[in-house]
N, C-alpha and C. Protein backbone atom coordinates (compact mmCIF):
# COMPACT_ATOMS: atom_id res chain seq x y z
N MET A 1 -5.17 -7.39 -8.98
CA MET A 1 -5.42 -6.36 -8.14
C MET A 1 -5.08 -6.58 -6.67
N ASP A 2 -4.50 -5.57 -5.95
CA ASP A 2 -4.16 -5.92 -4.46
C ASP A 2 -5.24 -5.36 -3.64
N ILE A 3 -5.95 -6.47 -2.98
CA ILE A 3 -6.92 -6.09 -2.03
C ILE A 3 -6.68 -6.66 -0.75
N SER A 4 -7.37 -6.00 0.36
CA SER A 4 -7.20 -6.52 1.64
C SER A 4 -8.55 -6.79 2.13
N ILE A 5 -8.67 -7.75 3.10
CA ILE A 5 -9.95 -8.11 3.59
C ILE A 5 -10.00 -7.72 5.14
N ARG A 6 -10.99 -7.20 5.54
CA ARG A 6 -11.20 -6.83 6.93
C ARG A 6 -12.45 -6.83 7.39
N GLN A 7 -12.65 -6.76 8.82
CA GLN A 7 -14.06 -6.81 9.30
C GLN A 7 -14.62 -5.52 9.02
N ALA A 8 -15.95 -5.49 8.67
CA ALA A 8 -16.70 -4.25 8.43
C ALA A 8 -17.01 -3.56 9.76
N THR A 9 -17.16 -2.13 9.58
CA THR A 9 -17.48 -1.39 10.77
C THR A 9 -18.65 -0.46 10.42
N GLU A 10 -19.29 0.07 11.31
CA GLU A 10 -20.50 0.95 11.12
C GLU A 10 -20.08 2.14 10.18
N THR A 11 -18.89 2.57 10.22
CA THR A 11 -18.49 3.76 9.40
C THR A 11 -18.55 3.39 7.84
N ASP A 12 -18.36 2.08 7.59
CA ASP A 12 -18.38 1.64 6.20
C ASP A 12 -19.89 1.55 5.56
N LEU A 13 -20.79 1.86 6.41
CA LEU A 13 -22.27 1.75 5.85
C LEU A 13 -22.57 2.46 4.66
N PRO A 14 -22.15 3.79 4.42
CA PRO A 14 -22.47 4.42 3.26
C PRO A 14 -21.91 3.90 2.00
N GLU A 15 -20.59 3.43 2.10
CA GLU A 15 -20.06 2.61 0.92
C GLU A 15 -20.61 1.32 0.68
N ILE A 16 -21.10 0.51 1.78
CA ILE A 16 -21.44 -0.84 1.63
C ILE A 16 -22.96 -0.64 0.93
N THR A 17 -23.78 0.29 1.39
CA THR A 17 -25.07 0.39 0.81
C THR A 17 -24.99 0.86 -0.63
N SER A 18 -24.09 1.75 -0.86
CA SER A 18 -24.01 2.30 -2.32
C SER A 18 -23.49 1.22 -3.26
N LEU A 19 -22.51 0.35 -2.77
CA LEU A 19 -22.07 -0.67 -3.67
C LEU A 19 -23.17 -1.71 -3.90
N PHE A 20 -23.95 -2.03 -2.85
CA PHE A 20 -25.08 -3.01 -3.14
C PHE A 20 -26.01 -2.37 -4.11
N ARG A 21 -26.45 -1.15 -3.87
CA ARG A 21 -27.48 -0.59 -4.78
C ARG A 21 -26.87 -0.61 -6.26
N ASN A 22 -25.64 -0.21 -6.48
CA ASN A 22 -24.98 -0.03 -7.82
C ASN A 22 -24.83 -1.52 -8.37
N THR A 23 -24.38 -2.39 -7.58
CA THR A 23 -24.20 -3.81 -8.17
C THR A 23 -25.55 -4.39 -8.51
N VAL A 24 -26.55 -4.26 -7.68
CA VAL A 24 -27.80 -4.93 -8.07
C VAL A 24 -28.36 -4.12 -9.42
N THR A 25 -28.21 -2.80 -9.47
CA THR A 25 -28.84 -2.08 -10.57
C THR A 25 -28.08 -2.46 -11.72
N HIS A 26 -26.70 -2.48 -11.83
CA HIS A 26 -25.85 -2.61 -13.00
C HIS A 26 -25.65 -4.14 -13.42
N ILE A 27 -25.45 -4.92 -12.52
CA ILE A 27 -24.96 -6.27 -12.65
C ILE A 27 -26.19 -7.34 -12.70
N ASN A 28 -27.04 -7.25 -11.74
CA ASN A 28 -28.22 -8.27 -11.79
C ASN A 28 -29.27 -7.83 -12.65
N SER A 29 -29.26 -6.76 -13.30
CA SER A 29 -30.26 -6.37 -14.31
C SER A 29 -30.21 -7.17 -15.61
N LYS A 30 -29.21 -8.07 -15.81
CA LYS A 30 -29.11 -9.04 -16.87
C LYS A 30 -30.05 -10.16 -16.71
N HIS A 31 -30.55 -10.39 -15.47
CA HIS A 31 -31.39 -11.61 -15.27
C HIS A 31 -32.63 -11.37 -14.56
N TYR A 32 -32.84 -10.05 -14.09
CA TYR A 32 -34.21 -9.65 -13.43
C TYR A 32 -34.74 -8.46 -14.12
N ASN A 33 -36.07 -8.25 -14.02
CA ASN A 33 -36.76 -7.20 -14.75
C ASN A 33 -36.57 -5.96 -13.97
N GLU A 34 -36.98 -4.76 -14.60
CA GLU A 34 -36.78 -3.49 -13.96
C GLU A 34 -37.42 -3.25 -12.65
N LYS A 35 -38.69 -3.81 -12.61
CA LYS A 35 -39.42 -3.75 -11.33
C LYS A 35 -38.75 -4.56 -10.08
N GLN A 36 -38.15 -5.77 -10.53
CA GLN A 36 -37.50 -6.55 -9.44
C GLN A 36 -36.30 -5.72 -9.13
N ILE A 37 -35.50 -5.27 -10.00
CA ILE A 37 -34.30 -4.57 -9.73
C ILE A 37 -34.54 -3.28 -8.73
N THR A 38 -35.55 -2.50 -9.10
CA THR A 38 -35.90 -1.43 -8.27
C THR A 38 -36.19 -1.83 -6.77
N VAL A 39 -37.00 -2.88 -6.70
CA VAL A 39 -37.45 -3.33 -5.23
C VAL A 39 -36.09 -3.89 -4.69
N TRP A 40 -35.36 -4.71 -5.22
CA TRP A 40 -34.20 -5.26 -4.77
C TRP A 40 -33.23 -4.25 -4.30
N ALA A 41 -32.94 -3.23 -5.15
CA ALA A 41 -31.89 -2.20 -4.87
C ALA A 41 -32.37 -1.48 -3.68
N SER A 42 -33.64 -1.18 -3.44
CA SER A 42 -34.27 -0.33 -2.44
C SER A 42 -33.82 -0.95 -1.06
N GLY A 43 -33.47 -2.12 -1.00
CA GLY A 43 -32.93 -2.72 0.35
C GLY A 43 -31.70 -1.85 0.72
N ALA A 44 -31.07 -1.14 -0.05
CA ALA A 44 -29.99 -0.30 0.41
C ALA A 44 -30.37 0.70 1.34
N ASN A 45 -31.65 1.16 1.23
CA ASN A 45 -32.22 2.20 2.13
C ASN A 45 -32.43 1.80 3.60
N GLU A 46 -32.45 0.56 3.78
CA GLU A 46 -32.82 0.00 5.17
C GLU A 46 -31.50 0.00 6.09
N THR A 47 -31.17 1.26 6.40
CA THR A 47 -29.79 1.35 7.14
C THR A 47 -29.82 0.48 8.39
N ASP A 48 -30.96 0.49 9.09
CA ASP A 48 -31.01 -0.28 10.41
C ASP A 48 -30.62 -1.76 10.24
N VAL A 49 -31.22 -2.30 9.11
CA VAL A 49 -30.98 -3.69 8.76
C VAL A 49 -29.43 -3.91 8.46
N TRP A 50 -28.89 -3.05 7.66
CA TRP A 50 -27.31 -3.09 7.37
C TRP A 50 -26.53 -2.91 8.65
N LEU A 51 -26.94 -1.93 9.46
CA LEU A 51 -26.20 -1.84 10.74
C LEU A 51 -26.16 -3.14 11.68
N GLU A 52 -27.45 -3.74 11.62
CA GLU A 52 -27.54 -5.03 12.37
C GLU A 52 -26.78 -6.04 11.82
N ARG A 53 -26.72 -6.19 10.56
CA ARG A 53 -25.80 -7.23 9.84
C ARG A 53 -24.42 -6.98 10.35
N ILE A 54 -23.97 -5.70 10.12
CA ILE A 54 -22.46 -5.35 10.52
C ILE A 54 -22.20 -5.74 11.83
N SER A 55 -23.06 -5.41 12.80
CA SER A 55 -22.85 -5.76 14.19
C SER A 55 -23.09 -7.22 14.65
N GLU A 56 -23.97 -7.82 14.10
CA GLU A 56 -24.45 -9.15 14.54
C GLU A 56 -23.75 -10.33 13.72
N PHE A 57 -23.44 -10.11 12.54
CA PHE A 57 -23.04 -11.20 11.62
C PHE A 57 -21.51 -11.17 11.46
N TYR A 58 -20.85 -12.13 10.94
CA TYR A 58 -19.52 -12.14 10.37
C TYR A 58 -19.54 -11.35 9.16
N PHE A 59 -19.16 -10.19 9.04
CA PHE A 59 -19.30 -9.23 8.00
C PHE A 59 -17.98 -8.63 7.60
N ILE A 60 -17.52 -8.95 6.46
CA ILE A 60 -16.07 -8.51 5.98
C ILE A 60 -16.33 -7.66 4.57
N VAL A 61 -15.32 -6.84 4.50
CA VAL A 61 -15.25 -6.02 3.25
C VAL A 61 -13.95 -6.22 2.71
N ALA A 62 -13.98 -6.14 1.31
CA ALA A 62 -12.68 -6.26 0.56
C ALA A 62 -12.42 -4.73 0.01
N GLU A 63 -11.23 -4.17 0.24
CA GLU A 63 -10.88 -2.93 -0.24
C GLU A 63 -9.62 -2.85 -0.87
N ASN A 64 -9.49 -1.95 -1.92
CA ASN A 64 -8.22 -1.72 -2.47
C ASN A 64 -7.67 -0.46 -1.72
N GLU A 65 -6.85 0.29 -2.25
CA GLU A 65 -6.13 1.31 -1.37
C GLU A 65 -7.17 2.48 -1.14
N THR A 66 -8.22 2.67 -2.06
CA THR A 66 -8.98 3.85 -1.92
C THR A 66 -10.47 3.55 -1.57
N GLU A 67 -11.00 2.41 -1.83
CA GLU A 67 -12.42 2.21 -1.59
C GLU A 67 -12.76 0.75 -1.42
N ILE A 68 -13.92 0.53 -0.83
CA ILE A 68 -14.48 -0.87 -0.73
C ILE A 68 -14.86 -1.36 -2.06
N VAL A 69 -14.52 -2.57 -2.48
CA VAL A 69 -14.70 -3.17 -3.75
C VAL A 69 -15.57 -4.36 -3.64
N GLY A 70 -15.90 -4.77 -2.40
CA GLY A 70 -16.78 -5.83 -2.31
C GLY A 70 -17.08 -6.13 -0.78
N PHE A 71 -18.18 -6.92 -0.43
CA PHE A 71 -18.39 -7.40 0.92
C PHE A 71 -19.01 -8.82 0.98
N ALA A 72 -19.13 -9.30 2.06
CA ALA A 72 -19.78 -10.54 2.31
C ALA A 72 -20.01 -10.67 3.77
N TYR A 73 -21.22 -11.48 4.02
CA TYR A 73 -21.45 -11.62 5.41
C TYR A 73 -22.28 -13.08 5.65
N LEU A 74 -21.87 -13.67 6.69
CA LEU A 74 -22.40 -14.98 7.16
C LEU A 74 -23.47 -14.74 8.43
N LYS A 75 -24.56 -15.44 8.25
CA LYS A 75 -25.33 -15.61 9.48
C LYS A 75 -25.53 -16.98 9.87
N LYS A 76 -25.77 -17.31 11.05
CA LYS A 76 -25.79 -18.65 11.66
C LYS A 76 -24.69 -19.45 11.58
N GLY A 77 -23.55 -18.77 11.31
CA GLY A 77 -22.25 -19.35 11.17
C GLY A 77 -21.81 -20.03 9.93
N TYR A 78 -22.76 -20.51 9.18
CA TYR A 78 -22.68 -21.14 7.98
C TYR A 78 -23.34 -20.70 6.70
N TYR A 79 -24.21 -19.79 6.90
CA TYR A 79 -25.01 -19.31 5.90
C TYR A 79 -24.66 -18.00 5.16
N LEU A 80 -24.14 -18.17 4.03
CA LEU A 80 -23.71 -16.91 3.30
C LEU A 80 -24.81 -16.06 2.87
N ASP A 81 -25.14 -15.07 3.50
CA ASP A 81 -26.42 -14.33 3.33
C ASP A 81 -26.22 -13.17 2.28
N GLY A 82 -24.92 -12.85 1.99
CA GLY A 82 -24.63 -11.82 0.92
C GLY A 82 -23.26 -11.76 0.53
N LEU A 83 -23.11 -11.63 -0.81
CA LEU A 83 -21.69 -11.38 -1.28
C LEU A 83 -21.84 -10.56 -2.53
N PHE A 84 -21.36 -9.28 -2.50
CA PHE A 84 -21.46 -8.41 -3.58
C PHE A 84 -20.13 -7.73 -4.07
N VAL A 85 -19.85 -7.57 -5.23
CA VAL A 85 -18.65 -6.94 -5.69
C VAL A 85 -19.11 -5.68 -6.57
N HIS A 86 -18.32 -4.62 -6.24
CA HIS A 86 -18.58 -3.40 -7.03
C HIS A 86 -18.59 -3.67 -8.59
N LYS A 87 -19.47 -2.86 -9.15
CA LYS A 87 -19.75 -3.26 -10.59
C LYS A 87 -18.47 -3.01 -11.41
N ASP A 88 -17.64 -2.13 -10.92
CA ASP A 88 -16.36 -1.85 -11.78
C ASP A 88 -15.15 -2.91 -11.51
N TYR A 89 -15.35 -3.78 -10.48
CA TYR A 89 -14.48 -4.72 -10.15
C TYR A 89 -14.78 -6.16 -10.31
N GLN A 90 -15.76 -6.42 -11.07
CA GLN A 90 -16.20 -7.80 -11.55
C GLN A 90 -15.07 -8.51 -12.14
N ARG A 91 -15.00 -9.78 -11.96
CA ARG A 91 -14.02 -10.68 -12.56
C ARG A 91 -12.49 -10.30 -12.49
N GLN A 92 -12.27 -9.80 -11.13
CA GLN A 92 -10.92 -9.58 -10.80
C GLN A 92 -10.39 -10.22 -9.62
N GLY A 93 -11.17 -11.16 -9.14
CA GLY A 93 -10.64 -11.99 -7.93
C GLY A 93 -11.34 -11.44 -6.73
N VAL A 94 -12.10 -10.50 -6.58
CA VAL A 94 -12.66 -9.96 -5.39
C VAL A 94 -13.67 -11.08 -4.67
N ALA A 95 -14.55 -11.39 -5.52
CA ALA A 95 -15.49 -12.39 -5.02
C ALA A 95 -14.89 -13.65 -4.49
N SER A 96 -13.82 -14.17 -5.39
CA SER A 96 -13.10 -15.47 -4.87
C SER A 96 -12.47 -15.28 -3.58
N SER A 97 -11.73 -14.03 -3.44
CA SER A 97 -11.20 -13.80 -2.07
C SER A 97 -12.12 -13.73 -0.83
N LEU A 98 -13.29 -13.04 -1.30
CA LEU A 98 -14.20 -12.89 -0.20
C LEU A 98 -14.84 -14.40 0.22
N LEU A 99 -15.09 -15.23 -0.89
CA LEU A 99 -15.68 -16.50 -0.61
C LEU A 99 -14.73 -17.39 0.07
N ARG A 100 -13.35 -17.42 -0.27
CA ARG A 100 -12.42 -18.15 0.41
C ARG A 100 -12.27 -17.72 1.97
N THR A 101 -12.31 -16.43 2.24
CA THR A 101 -12.42 -16.01 3.64
C THR A 101 -13.61 -16.57 4.30
N MET A 102 -14.75 -16.65 3.63
CA MET A 102 -16.06 -16.98 4.32
C MET A 102 -15.96 -18.51 4.59
N GLU A 103 -15.48 -19.27 3.52
CA GLU A 103 -15.43 -20.69 3.79
C GLU A 103 -14.43 -21.03 4.87
N SER A 104 -13.27 -20.34 5.04
CA SER A 104 -12.40 -20.45 6.09
C SER A 104 -13.07 -20.21 7.47
N GLN A 105 -13.79 -19.21 7.48
CA GLN A 105 -14.54 -18.79 8.79
C GLN A 105 -15.59 -20.03 9.20
N VAL A 106 -16.25 -20.47 8.14
CA VAL A 106 -17.22 -21.57 8.37
C VAL A 106 -16.54 -22.86 8.96
N MET A 107 -15.28 -22.98 8.43
CA MET A 107 -14.55 -24.21 8.88
C MET A 107 -14.05 -24.05 10.25
N VAL A 108 -13.63 -22.74 10.55
CA VAL A 108 -13.09 -22.49 12.02
C VAL A 108 -14.25 -22.64 12.90
N GLU A 109 -15.48 -22.30 12.44
CA GLU A 109 -16.65 -22.39 13.30
C GLU A 109 -17.19 -23.92 13.42
N ASP A 110 -16.41 -24.85 12.68
CA ASP A 110 -16.74 -26.22 12.67
C ASP A 110 -17.90 -26.74 12.13
N TYR A 111 -18.49 -25.97 11.19
CA TYR A 111 -19.66 -26.42 10.29
C TYR A 111 -19.21 -27.28 9.15
N PRO A 112 -19.88 -28.38 8.83
CA PRO A 112 -19.47 -29.25 7.76
C PRO A 112 -19.76 -28.59 6.35
N GLU A 113 -20.55 -27.68 6.22
CA GLU A 113 -20.89 -27.04 4.84
C GLU A 113 -21.28 -25.68 5.03
N ILE A 114 -21.18 -25.01 3.79
CA ILE A 114 -21.59 -23.56 3.76
C ILE A 114 -22.79 -23.59 2.71
N ARG A 115 -23.78 -22.79 3.08
CA ARG A 115 -24.99 -22.67 2.05
C ARG A 115 -25.27 -21.19 1.85
N SER A 116 -26.08 -21.13 0.80
CA SER A 116 -26.43 -19.77 0.38
C SER A 116 -27.66 -19.86 -0.52
N ASP A 117 -28.35 -18.78 -0.72
CA ASP A 117 -29.35 -18.56 -1.74
C ASP A 117 -28.64 -17.50 -2.70
N VAL A 118 -28.62 -18.05 -3.94
CA VAL A 118 -27.92 -17.11 -4.90
C VAL A 118 -28.84 -16.72 -6.10
N SER A 119 -28.44 -15.68 -6.61
CA SER A 119 -29.30 -15.20 -7.78
C SER A 119 -28.85 -15.78 -9.01
N LYS A 120 -29.67 -15.80 -10.08
CA LYS A 120 -29.32 -16.34 -11.29
C LYS A 120 -28.09 -15.76 -11.87
N THR A 121 -27.78 -14.56 -11.48
CA THR A 121 -26.52 -13.83 -12.03
C THR A 121 -25.37 -14.48 -11.30
N ALA A 122 -25.36 -14.80 -10.06
CA ALA A 122 -24.26 -15.40 -9.29
C ALA A 122 -24.12 -16.90 -9.38
N LEU A 123 -25.11 -17.64 -9.99
CA LEU A 123 -25.04 -19.12 -10.08
C LEU A 123 -23.75 -19.56 -10.69
N PRO A 124 -23.52 -19.20 -11.96
CA PRO A 124 -22.19 -19.70 -12.65
C PRO A 124 -20.97 -19.58 -11.78
N PHE A 125 -20.81 -18.40 -10.98
CA PHE A 125 -19.73 -18.24 -10.22
C PHE A 125 -19.72 -19.33 -9.02
N PHE A 126 -20.74 -19.69 -8.48
CA PHE A 126 -20.77 -20.55 -7.33
C PHE A 126 -20.48 -21.94 -7.97
N GLU A 127 -21.22 -22.32 -9.02
CA GLU A 127 -20.82 -23.45 -9.78
C GLU A 127 -19.50 -23.85 -10.06
N ASN A 128 -18.74 -22.75 -10.39
CA ASN A 128 -17.31 -22.75 -10.69
C ASN A 128 -16.45 -23.03 -9.51
N LYS A 129 -17.01 -22.79 -8.31
CA LYS A 129 -16.40 -22.92 -6.99
C LYS A 129 -16.93 -24.23 -6.38
N TYR A 130 -17.44 -25.14 -7.10
CA TYR A 130 -17.86 -26.39 -6.67
C TYR A 130 -19.07 -26.47 -5.65
N TYR A 131 -19.91 -25.45 -5.90
CA TYR A 131 -21.18 -25.51 -5.12
C TYR A 131 -22.09 -26.31 -5.86
N ASP A 132 -22.92 -27.05 -5.13
CA ASP A 132 -23.92 -27.97 -5.69
C ASP A 132 -25.33 -27.16 -5.53
N ILE A 133 -26.20 -27.32 -6.52
CA ILE A 133 -27.55 -26.65 -6.41
C ILE A 133 -28.44 -27.75 -5.75
N ILE A 134 -28.93 -27.16 -4.60
CA ILE A 134 -29.92 -28.04 -3.87
C ILE A 134 -31.36 -27.88 -4.53
N LYS A 135 -31.75 -26.64 -4.78
CA LYS A 135 -32.95 -26.59 -5.43
C LYS A 135 -33.07 -25.09 -6.10
N LYS A 136 -33.91 -25.00 -7.03
CA LYS A 136 -34.40 -23.76 -7.76
C LYS A 136 -35.61 -23.30 -6.96
N GLN A 137 -35.69 -22.06 -6.70
CA GLN A 137 -36.81 -21.71 -5.81
C GLN A 137 -37.32 -20.15 -6.30
N LYS A 138 -38.62 -20.02 -5.83
CA LYS A 138 -39.10 -18.65 -6.00
C LYS A 138 -39.39 -18.07 -4.74
N LYS A 139 -38.70 -16.81 -4.46
CA LYS A 139 -38.85 -16.28 -3.21
C LYS A 139 -39.70 -15.01 -3.32
N SER A 140 -40.49 -14.70 -2.41
CA SER A 140 -41.31 -13.44 -2.44
C SER A 140 -40.56 -12.46 -1.72
N PHE A 141 -40.41 -11.22 -2.22
CA PHE A 141 -39.71 -10.03 -1.47
C PHE A 141 -40.44 -8.85 -1.90
N LYS A 142 -41.02 -8.12 -0.83
CA LYS A 142 -41.72 -6.95 -1.01
C LYS A 142 -42.77 -7.06 -2.09
N GLY A 143 -43.52 -8.11 -2.17
CA GLY A 143 -44.62 -8.38 -3.13
C GLY A 143 -44.18 -8.76 -4.48
N LEU A 144 -42.90 -9.10 -4.86
CA LEU A 144 -42.44 -9.53 -6.08
C LEU A 144 -41.81 -10.92 -5.87
N VAL A 145 -41.98 -11.76 -6.94
CA VAL A 145 -41.24 -13.09 -6.82
C VAL A 145 -39.85 -13.05 -7.61
N PHE A 146 -38.91 -13.60 -6.96
CA PHE A 146 -37.62 -13.66 -7.44
C PHE A 146 -37.20 -15.12 -7.57
N GLU A 147 -36.67 -15.55 -8.72
CA GLU A 147 -36.08 -16.83 -8.96
C GLU A 147 -34.70 -16.97 -8.47
N ASN A 148 -34.33 -17.73 -7.64
CA ASN A 148 -32.90 -17.93 -7.28
C ASN A 148 -32.65 -19.47 -6.91
N TYR A 149 -31.57 -19.75 -6.43
CA TYR A 149 -31.12 -21.14 -6.14
C TYR A 149 -30.48 -21.28 -4.74
N ILE A 150 -30.76 -22.35 -4.06
CA ILE A 150 -30.17 -22.70 -2.86
C ILE A 150 -28.97 -23.65 -3.27
N VAL A 151 -27.81 -23.17 -2.85
CA VAL A 151 -26.61 -23.94 -3.10
C VAL A 151 -25.87 -24.31 -1.84
N LYS A 152 -24.93 -25.30 -1.98
CA LYS A 152 -24.22 -25.62 -0.75
C LYS A 152 -22.81 -26.20 -1.19
N LYS A 153 -21.90 -26.30 -0.17
CA LYS A 153 -20.56 -26.82 -0.52
C LYS A 153 -20.21 -27.51 0.75
N THR A 154 -19.84 -28.76 0.66
CA THR A 154 -19.21 -29.43 1.79
C THR A 154 -17.84 -29.10 1.99
N LEU A 155 -17.42 -28.75 3.27
CA LEU A 155 -16.03 -28.14 3.45
C LEU A 155 -15.30 -29.32 4.12
């Protein structure tokens, strides 16, 4: 698939939040229960938070000719705070392209490593990209506990 990567803009907000909601609902439901998925997906409604991420963080989107098929963003220069791929474009190289771009950005910023908190769903992808698990953790979000992993890769 031919995709291009570019900086996100505020006009991308509807597509970004829709992609986030749909990906969490359809892809992450393999590893999290219905209540967790509902709460997690509700984060798409927090438009102020998304607009702040787009304007404050290094936030990129992957798009084909007609739509945004994935996005990722860094905070603090080295912390991958989000990487999501459209449910219909899984396993087509979108996440790999986004991750390569993020790792390059971290190196440009002269950080020695990239870190992230990743879901149970995403863990195999990151392990295949040579990320090490620092620890398994339980995080509280809106009154529910989510199991995920802190991972890192030395660049």
